[in-house]
Protein backbone atom coordinates (compact mmCIF):
# COMPACT_ATOMS: atom_id res chain seq x y z
CA UNK A 1 -0.19 -0.11 -0.24
CA UNK A 2 1.14 3.69 -0.92
CA UNK A 3 0.23 6.53 1.43
CA UNK A 4 -2.92 7.56 0.01
CA UNK A 5 -4.12 3.88 0.32
CA UNK A 6 -2.96 3.62 4.15
CA UNK A 7 -5.22 7.08 4.66
CA UNK A 8 -7.99 6.10 2.80
CA UNK A 9 -8.57 2.31 4.96
CA UNK A 10 -7.57 4.42 8.28
CA UNK A 11 -10.49 6.74 7.62
CA UNK A 12 -12.46 3.55 6.73
CA UNK A 13 -11.77 2.82 10.51
CA UNK A 14 -8.67 0.39 10.04
CA UNK A 15 -6.15 0.08 12.39
CA UNK A 16 -3.60 -2.64 11.28
CA UNK A 17 -0.89 -2.06 8.94
CA UNK A 18 1.79 -4.44 10.17
CA UNK A 19 4.95 -4.84 8.25
CA UNK A 20 3.56 -2.23 5.93
CA UNK A 21 7.12 -0.89 3.13
CA UNK A 22 6.92 3.30 3.70
CA UNK A 23 10.30 3.85 2.87
CA UNK A 24 11.32 7.39 1.72
CA UNK A 25 6.92 8.08 1.81
CA UNK A 26 5.96 11.43 2.69
CA UNK A 27 3.34 11.80 5.67
CA UNK A 28 4.04 15.37 7.16
CA UNK A 29 0.54 16.37 9.20
CA UNK A 30 -0.51 13.18 9.01
CA UNK A 31 -2.83 11.16 11.73
CA UNK A 32 -2.60 7.56 12.25
CA UNK A 33 -3.84 7.68 15.94
CA UNK A 34 -4.05 4.33 17.83
CA UNK A 35 -2.50 2.35 14.17
CA UNK A 36 -1.08 -0.79 14.48
CA UNK A 37 2.78 -0.10 12.11
CA UNK A 38 4.79 -3.32 13.92
CA UNK A 39 7.52 -4.21 12.10
CA UNK A 40 7.01 -1.61 9.50
CA UNK A 41 9.63 -0.08 7.16
CA UNK A 42 9.68 3.45 7.77
CA UNK A 43 13.34 3.95 6.21
CA UNK A 44 13.79 7.86 5.06
CA UNK A 45 10.28 8.51 5.76
CA UNK A 46 8.90 12.06 6.17
CA UNK A 47 6.28 12.14 8.87
CA UNK A 48 6.82 16.06 10.30
CA UNK A 49 3.88 17.43 12.38
CA UNK A 50 2.46 14.13 12.35
CA UNK A 51 0.22 12.96 15.27
CA UNK A 52 1.26 9.44 16.17
CA UNK A 53 0.16 9.32 19.25
CA UNK A 54 -0.92 5.79 21.04
CA UNK A 55 0.57 4.29 17.61
CA UNK A 56 2.42 1.18 17.77
CA UNK A 57 5.44 0.52 16.24
CA UNK A 58 6.82 -2.41 17.82
CA UNK A 59 10.43 -3.27 15.86
CA UNK A 60 9.74 -0.81 13.27
CA UNK A 61 12.59 0.54 11.10
CA UNK A 62 12.41 4.57 11.16
CA UNK A 63 16.04 4.68 10.21
CA UNK A 64 16.98 8.58 8.99
CA UNK A 65 13.18 9.22 9.44
CA UNK A 66 12.27 12.67 9.52
CA UNK A 67 10.07 13.37 12.78
CA UNK A 68 10.22 16.70 13.85
CA UNK A 69 7.41 18.06 15.96
CA UNK A 70 5.49 14.53 15.42
CA UNK A 71 3.24 13.64 18.06
CA UNK A 72 4.19 10.24 19.57
CA UNK A 73 2.49 10.69 22.82
CA UNK A 74 1.82 7.26 24.31
CA UNK A 75 3.36 5.12 21.27
CA UNK A 76 5.01 1.98 21.42
CA UNK A 77 8.61 1.71 20.19
CA UNK A 78 9.28 -1.20 21.67
CA UNK A 79 12.84 -2.22 19.90
CA UNK A 80 12.39 0.41 17.22
CA UNK A 81 15.00 1.51 15.44
CA UNK A 82 15.55 4.88 15.00
CA UNK A 83 19.02 5.16 13.85
CA UNK A 84 20.07 9.20 13.19
CA UNK A 85 16.17 9.73 12.97
CA UNK A 86 15.53 13.76 13.32
CA UNK A 87 13.40 13.88 16.33
CA UNK A 88 14.11 17.50 17.26
CA UNK A 89 10.92 19.16 19.07
CA UNK A 90 8.83 15.55 19.05
CA UNK A 91 6.30 15.10 21.74
CA UNK A 92 7.16 11.72 23.49
CA UNK A 93 5.58 12.02 26.46
CA UNK A 94 5.57 8.72 27.87
CA UNK A 95 6.59 6.93 25.37
CA UNK A 96 7.53 3.66 25.16
CA UNK A 97 11.41 3.62 23.91
CA UNK A 98 12.46 0.21 25.87
CA UNK A 99 15.54 -1.13 23.91
CA UNK A 100 14.84 0.98 20.46
CA UNK A 101 17.93 2.09 18.71
CA UNK A 102 18.24 5.58 18.66
CA UNK A 103 22.34 5.49 17.49
CA UNK A 104 23.42 9.34 16.38
CA UNK A 105 19.59 11.02 16.60
CA UNK A 106 18.12 13.75 16.76
CA UNK A 107 16.00 14.80 19.95
CA UNK A 108 16.96 18.40 20.65
CA UNK A 109 13.97 20.17 22.21
CA UNK A 110 11.55 16.82 22.60
CA UNK A 111 9.55 16.11 24.94
CA UNK A 112 10.64 12.73 26.68
CA UNK A 113 8.53 13.74 30.23
CA UNK A 114 8.20 9.91 31.97
CA UNK A 115 9.44 7.93 28.81
CA UNK A 116 10.57 4.48 28.90
CA UNK A 117 14.05 4.29 27.55
CA UNK A 118 15.36 1.64 29.59
CA UNK A 119 18.42 -0.82 27.89
CA UNK A 120 17.92 1.95 24.74
CA UNK A 121 20.75 2.77 22.78
CA UNK A 122 21.22 6.59 22.75
CA UNK A 123 25.24 6.92 21.46
CA UNK A 124 26.03 9.46 20.38
CA UNK A 125 22.65 11.00 20.38
CA UNK A 126 21.97 14.86 20.25
CA UNK A 127 19.72 15.87 23.46
CA UNK A 128 20.37 19.65 23.21
CA UNK A 129 17.62 22.51 23.34
CA UNK A 130 16.04 23.08 20.03
CA UNK A 131 16.39 26.89 19.14
CA UNK A 132 12.58 27.33 21.41
CA UNK A 133 12.30 24.54 23.49
CA UNK A 134 14.24 22.64 26.05
CA UNK A 135 15.20 18.91 25.66
CA UNK A 136 12.73 18.00 28.97
CA UNK A 137 13.49 13.52 30.65
CA UNK A 138 11.72 14.58 33.55
CA UNK A 139 11.16 11.54 35.45
CA UNK A 140 11.95 9.14 32.19
CA UNK A 141 13.16 5.80 32.71
CA UNK A 142 16.67 5.44 31.64
CA UNK A 143 17.93 2.37 33.45
CA UNK A 144 20.46 0.25 31.76
CA UNK A 145 20.58 2.98 28.56
CA UNK A 146 23.74 3.71 27.20
CA UNK A 147 24.21 7.58 26.44
CA UNK A 148 27.88 6.99 25.89
CA UNK A 149 29.15 10.49 24.08
CA UNK A 150 25.73 11.82 24.33
CA UNK A 151 25.03 15.40 24.09
CA UNK A 152 22.56 16.22 27.12
CA UNK A 153 24.12 20.11 27.59
CA UNK A 154 21.25 22.03 29.32
CA UNK A 155 19.25 19.65 29.23
CA UNK A 156 15.94 19.12 31.87
CA UNK A 157 16.10 15.63 33.49
CA UNK A 158 15.21 15.63 36.99
CA UNK A 159 13.85 12.48 38.93
CA UNK A 160 14.88 10.58 36.15
CA UNK A 161 16.30 7.43 36.84
CA UNK A 162 19.55 6.28 35.16
CA UNK A 163 20.15 3.41 37.56
CA UNK A 164 23.26 1.56 35.75
CA UNK A 165 23.32 3.46 32.54
CA UNK A 166 26.66 4.34 30.40
CA UNK A 167 27.24 8.09 30.27
CA UNK A 168 31.05 7.27 29.57
CA UNK A 169 32.39 10.89 28.41
CA UNK A 170 28.63 12.22 27.67
CA UNK A 171 28.54 15.95 27.69
CA UNK A 172 26.29 17.00 30.54
CA UNK A 173 28.23 21.23 31.40
CA UNK A 174 26.38 24.18 31.55
CA UNK A 175 26.57 25.82 28.34
CA UNK A 176 25.92 30.11 28.05
CA UNK A 177 24.44 28.95 24.26
CA UNK A 178 21.23 28.43 25.82
CA UNK A 179 21.15 31.52 28.67
CA UNK A 180 23.63 29.18 30.84
CA UNK A 181 21.16 26.90 31.48
CA UNK A 182 22.79 23.81 33.82
CA UNK A 183 21.64 19.98 32.90
CA UNK A 184 19.44 19.43 36.09
CA UNK A 185 19.63 16.15 37.26
CA UNK A 186 17.91 17.18 40.63
CA UNK A 187 16.97 13.77 42.54
CA UNK A 188 17.64 11.54 39.45
CA UNK A 189 18.71 8.17 40.45
CA UNK A 190 22.57 7.51 38.94
CA UNK A 191 22.48 4.05 40.86
CA UNK A 192 25.85 2.27 39.39
CA UNK A 193 25.73 4.74 36.48
CA UNK A 194 29.06 4.82 34.21
CA UNK A 195 29.20 8.75 34.37
CA UNK A 196 33.35 8.32 33.97
CA UNK A 197 34.71 11.01 32.07
CA UNK A 198 31.64 12.67 31.74
CA UNK A 199 31.71 16.44 31.77
CA UNK A 200 29.56 17.30 34.40
CA UNK A 201 31.10 20.99 35.15
CA UNK A 202 28.14 23.30 36.64
CA UNK A 203 25.44 20.46 36.51
CA UNK A 204 22.58 20.28 38.62
CA UNK A 205 22.97 16.95 40.96
CA UNK A 206 20.92 18.23 44.17
CA UNK A 207 19.76 15.34 46.56
CA UNK A 208 20.70 12.99 43.03
CA UNK A 209 21.72 9.97 44.42
CA UNK A 210 25.30 8.68 43.05
CA UNK A 211 25.73 5.78 45.37
CA UNK A 212 28.21 3.38 43.07
CA UNK A 213 28.59 5.45 40.22
CA UNK A 214 32.03 5.31 38.93
CA UNK A 215 33.25 9.01 38.56
CA UNK A 216 36.63 8.24 37.07
CA UNK A 217 37.70 11.09 35.60
CA UNK A 218 34.60 12.78 35.89
CA UNK A 219 34.71 16.66 35.61
CA UNK A 220 32.80 18.12 38.15
CA UNK A 221 34.04 21.79 37.82
CA UNK A 222 31.26 24.11 39.78
CA UNK A 223 28.58 21.52 39.74
CA UNK A 224 25.99 21.28 42.39
CA UNK A 225 26.12 18.30 44.85
CA UNK A 226 24.11 20.13 47.47
CA UNK A 227 22.76 16.93 48.95
CA UNK A 228 23.61 14.03 47.06
CA UNK A 229 24.46 10.86 47.56
CA UNK A 230 28.13 9.91 46.57
CA UNK A 231 29.07 6.97 45.40
CA UNK A 232 30.64 5.91 48.56
CA UNK A 233 27.08 6.75 50.24
CA UNK A 234 28.35 9.48 52.22
CA UNK A 235 25.69 12.96 51.72
CA UNK A 236 27.51 16.00 50.13
CA UNK A 237 27.09 18.64 51.74
């Protein structure tokens, strides 16, 4: 089926589009709320400004897809491939991204509040603010996620769960580029996380739990550690 046929069947009440091949298709401003696109081939598809809320995209291939401003709230993207996808400004509130591949993906200014990214691959992902919006990972579940070399400058990550996450050489430093905003990890859980050689200069880590975390070579210049639980279990003054 092509795009027009998909939209025609959707308008008629059909929701099952599993394994559909829509590589390089144009879906801008489309509405497929609640559709089932499990295992679909959506490589290099243009889905900008579309409504895919509550859509099932389990194990779908969205490599290099353009999803800027797309609403994926409460969607199921379990084990989906989003390698080098553009999710700038996308809405991913309470979205399931468990075990998804987001290597080198752009999530600038995306809203990932309360999203599930456990065991997700975010190697070299870009999570900086966009021109008008801060990337929101507040209350997100990132247990065991690989954020090595990721750019998380100025991201809001308060109360996020990063237990066992890999943040080796990630950049979470304060930056003047966005009004001197600091990456906010207030009350985040980073138990047993790999923070080796991570840039945490100016980062807000108030009441964060760093018990068992690896801070080898980490840069903590001007980091706010008030009330944080340190790797050895002591509480920072």
